[in-house]
Amino acid sequence: MIFKGVREGRPYPDHEFTLKQWSEIPPRPIRLDQLVTTKRELALDKLLADDSTFYGDLFPHVVQWENILYLEDGLHRALRAALQQRLQIHARVLVL
């Protein structure tokens, strides 16, 4: 199994963090098998795109809530890492 779990939607309260606020959180390594996704589906074109991070953050966004790590943004980057047989990614982690 790649991820700890797959779900649809965020179980945690809205944090209202902006992209600028996310960019102030230093990235850290996170094991893929510790993440619970907040999206059940992925657009294949985003996974295969060479410029998939052109309009967003280079690092996935993870929210830690009630000691669970939820992958809020960056599912395509995490899945790409898994396909490359990497066990972890660097992500920005917001602790709520």
C-alpha atoms as a PDB file:
ATOM      1  CA  MET A   1       0.000   0.000   0.000  1.00  0.00           C
ATOM      2  CA  ILE A   2       1.356   3.410  -0.950  1.00  0.00           C
ATOM      3  CA  PHE A   3      -0.589   5.585   1.502  1.00  0.00           C
ATOM      4  CA  LYS A   4      -1.883   4.975   5.013  1.00  0.00           C
ATOM      5  CA  GLY A   5      -5.386   5.735   3.791  1.00  0.00           C
ATOM      6  CA  VAL A   6      -7.468   7.288   1.019  1.00  0.00           C
ATOM      7  CA  ARG A   7     -10.496   9.438   1.737  1.00  0.00           C
ATOM      8  CA  GLU A   8     -12.584  12.085   0.028  1.00  0.00           C
ATOM      9  CA  GLY A   9     -12.557  15.467   1.719  1.00  0.00           C
ATOM     10  CA  ARG A  10     -10.856  17.040   4.685  1.00  0.00           C
ATOM     11  CA  PRO A  11     -11.887  15.887   8.172  1.00  0.00           C
ATOM     12  CA  TYR A  12     -10.122  18.815   9.856  1.00  0.00           C
ATOM     13  CA  PRO A  13     -11.422  22.397  10.197  1.00  0.00           C
ATOM     14  CA  ASP A  14     -10.646  24.978   7.514  1.00  0.00           C
ATOM     15  CA  HIS A  15      -7.289  26.591   8.261  1.00  0.00           C
ATOM     16  CA  GLU A  16      -7.532  29.431   5.685  1.00  0.00           C
ATOM     17  CA  PHE A  17      -3.764  29.351   5.047  1.00  0.00           C
ATOM     18  CA  THR A  18      -2.675  31.272   1.955  1.00  0.00           C
ATOM     19  CA  LEU A  19       0.052  30.125  -0.422  1.00  0.00           C
ATOM     20  CA  LYS A  20       2.337  32.756   1.100  1.00  0.00           C
ATOM     21  CA  GLN A  21       1.735  31.375   4.612  1.00  0.00           C
ATOM     22  CA  TRP A  22       2.392  27.830   3.374  1.00  0.00           C
ATOM     23  CA  SER A  23       5.681  28.986   1.837  1.00  0.00           C
ATOM     24  CA  GLU A  24       6.887  30.086   5.284  1.00  0.00           C
ATOM     25  CA  ILE A  25       6.704  26.490   6.600  1.00  0.00           C
ATOM     26  CA  PRO A  26      10.006  24.701   5.947  1.00  0.00           C
ATOM     27  CA  PRO A  27       9.630  21.378   4.129  1.00  0.00           C
ATOM     28  CA  ARG A  28      10.523  18.162   5.910  1.00  0.00           C
ATOM     29  CA  PRO A  29      10.672  14.523   4.856  1.00  0.00           C
ATOM     30  CA  ILE A  30       7.453  12.535   5.266  1.00  0.00           C
ATOM     31  CA  ARG A  31       7.007   8.832   4.568  1.00  0.00           C
ATOM     32  CA  LEU A  32       4.292   8.133   2.003  1.00  0.00           C
ATOM     33  CA  ASP A  33       2.876   5.320   4.136  1.00  0.00           C
ATOM     34  CA  GLN A  34       2.116   7.837   6.911  1.00  0.00           C
ATOM     35  CA  LEU A  35      -0.142   9.984   4.698  1.00  0.00           C
ATOM     36  CA  VAL A  36      -3.909   9.911   4.325  1.00  0.00           C
ATOM     37  CA  THR A  37      -5.049  11.529   1.083  1.00  0.00           C
ATOM     38  CA  THR A  38      -7.958  13.977   0.963  1.00  0.00           C
ATOM     39  CA  LYS A  39      -8.724  13.189  -2.692  1.00  0.00           C
ATOM     40  CA  ARG A  40      -9.849   9.864  -4.079  1.00  0.00           C
ATOM     41  CA  GLU A  41      -9.190  10.692  -7.735  1.00  0.00           C
ATOM     42  CA  LEU A  42      -6.259  12.081  -9.671  1.00  0.00           C
ATOM     43  CA  ALA A  43      -6.172  13.620 -13.121  1.00  0.00           C
ATOM     44  CA  LEU A  44      -3.700  11.578 -15.143  1.00  0.00           C
ATOM     45  CA  ASP A  45      -2.666  14.637 -17.160  1.00  0.00           C
ATOM     46  CA  LYS A  46      -1.446  16.311 -13.942  1.00  0.00           C
ATOM     47  CA  LEU A  47       0.569  13.252 -12.995  1.00  0.00           C
ATOM     48  CA  LEU A  48       2.299  13.102 -16.366  1.00  0.00           C
ATOM     49  CA  ALA A  49       2.775  16.855 -16.903  1.00  0.00           C
ATOM     50  CA  ASP A  50       6.358  18.097 -16.999  1.00  0.00           C
ATOM     51  CA  ASP A  51       5.318  21.457 -15.525  1.00  0.00           C
ATOM     52  CA  SER A  52       2.986  20.087 -12.834  1.00  0.00           C
ATOM     53  CA  THR A  53       4.346  22.507 -10.198  1.00  0.00           C
ATOM     54  CA  PHE A  54       4.527  25.575 -12.470  1.00  0.00           C
ATOM     55  CA  TYR A  55       1.518  27.303 -10.905  1.00  0.00           C
ATOM     56  CA  GLY A  56       1.871  26.008  -7.353  1.00  0.00           C
ATOM     57  CA  ASP A  57       4.224  25.184  -4.551  1.00  0.00           C
ATOM     58  CA  LEU A  58       7.129  22.830  -5.222  1.00  0.00           C
ATOM     59  CA  PHE A  59       6.324  20.947  -2.016  1.00  0.00           C
ATOM     60  CA  PRO A  60       3.102  19.124  -1.153  1.00  0.00           C
ATOM     61  CA  HIS A  61       0.943  20.497   1.669  1.00  0.00           C
ATOM     62  CA  VAL A  62       0.215  18.218   4.605  1.00  0.00           C
ATOM     63  CA  VAL A  63      -2.045  18.999   7.562  1.00  0.00           C
ATOM     64  CA  GLN A  64      -1.404  17.205  10.837  1.00  0.00           C
ATOM     65  CA  TRP A  65      -4.641  16.947  12.780  1.00  0.00           C
ATOM     66  CA  GLU A  66      -5.284  14.621  15.722  1.00  0.00           C
ATOM     67  CA  ASN A  67      -1.883  12.964  15.068  1.00  0.00           C
ATOM     68  CA  ILE A  68      -2.822  11.998  11.498  1.00  0.00           C
ATOM     69  CA  LEU A  69      -1.018  13.426   8.461  1.00  0.00           C
ATOM     70  CA  TYR A  70      -3.464  14.446   5.695  1.00  0.00           C
ATOM     71  CA  LEU A  71      -2.116  15.150   2.218  1.00  0.00           C
ATOM     72  CA  GLU A  72      -4.086  18.254   1.306  1.00  0.00           C
ATOM     73  CA  ASP A  73      -2.276  19.289  -1.864  1.00  0.00           C
ATOM     74  CA  GLY A  74       0.306  17.469  -3.969  1.00  0.00           C
ATOM     75  CA  LEU A  75      -1.245  14.069  -4.565  1.00  0.00           C
ATOM     76  CA  HIS A  76       0.240  13.909  -8.055  1.00  0.00           C
ATOM     77  CA  ARG A  77       3.737  14.657  -6.676  1.00  0.00           C
ATOM     78  CA  ALA A  78       3.363  11.989  -3.990  1.00  0.00           C
ATOM     79  CA  LEU A  79       2.135   9.405  -6.477  1.00  0.00           C
ATOM     80  CA  ARG A  80       4.942  10.274  -8.884  1.00  0.00           C
ATOM     81  CA  ALA A  81       7.434   9.671  -6.036  1.00  0.00           C
ATOM     82  CA  ALA A  82       5.815   6.297  -5.344  1.00  0.00           C
ATOM     83  CA  LEU A  83       6.064   5.332  -9.016  1.00  0.00           C
ATOM     84  CA  GLN A  84       9.774   6.169  -8.821  1.00  0.00           C
ATOM     85  CA  GLN A  85       9.951   3.755  -5.865  1.00  0.00           C
ATOM     86  CA  ARG A  86      10.740   6.493  -3.361  1.00  0.00           C
ATOM     87  CA  LEU A  87       9.370   5.923   0.140  1.00  0.00           C
ATOM     88  CA  GLN A  88       9.197   9.569   1.199  1.00  0.00           C
ATOM     89  CA  ILE A  89       8.662  13.094  -0.066  1.00  0.00           C
ATOM     90  CA  HIS A  90       9.527  16.515   1.277  1.00  0.00           C
ATOM     91  CA  ALA A  91       6.377  18.392   2.282  1.00  0.00           C
ATOM     92  CA  ARG A  92       5.276  21.435   4.230  1.00  0.00           C
ATOM     93  CA  VAL A  93       3.415  20.305   7.362  1.00  0.00           C
ATOM     94  CA  LEU A  94       0.859  22.508   9.102  1.00  0.00           C
ATOM     95  CA  VAL A  95       0.055  21.321  12.618  1.00  0.00           C
ATOM     96  CA  LEU A  96      -3.513  22.127  13.731  1.00  0.00           C
END
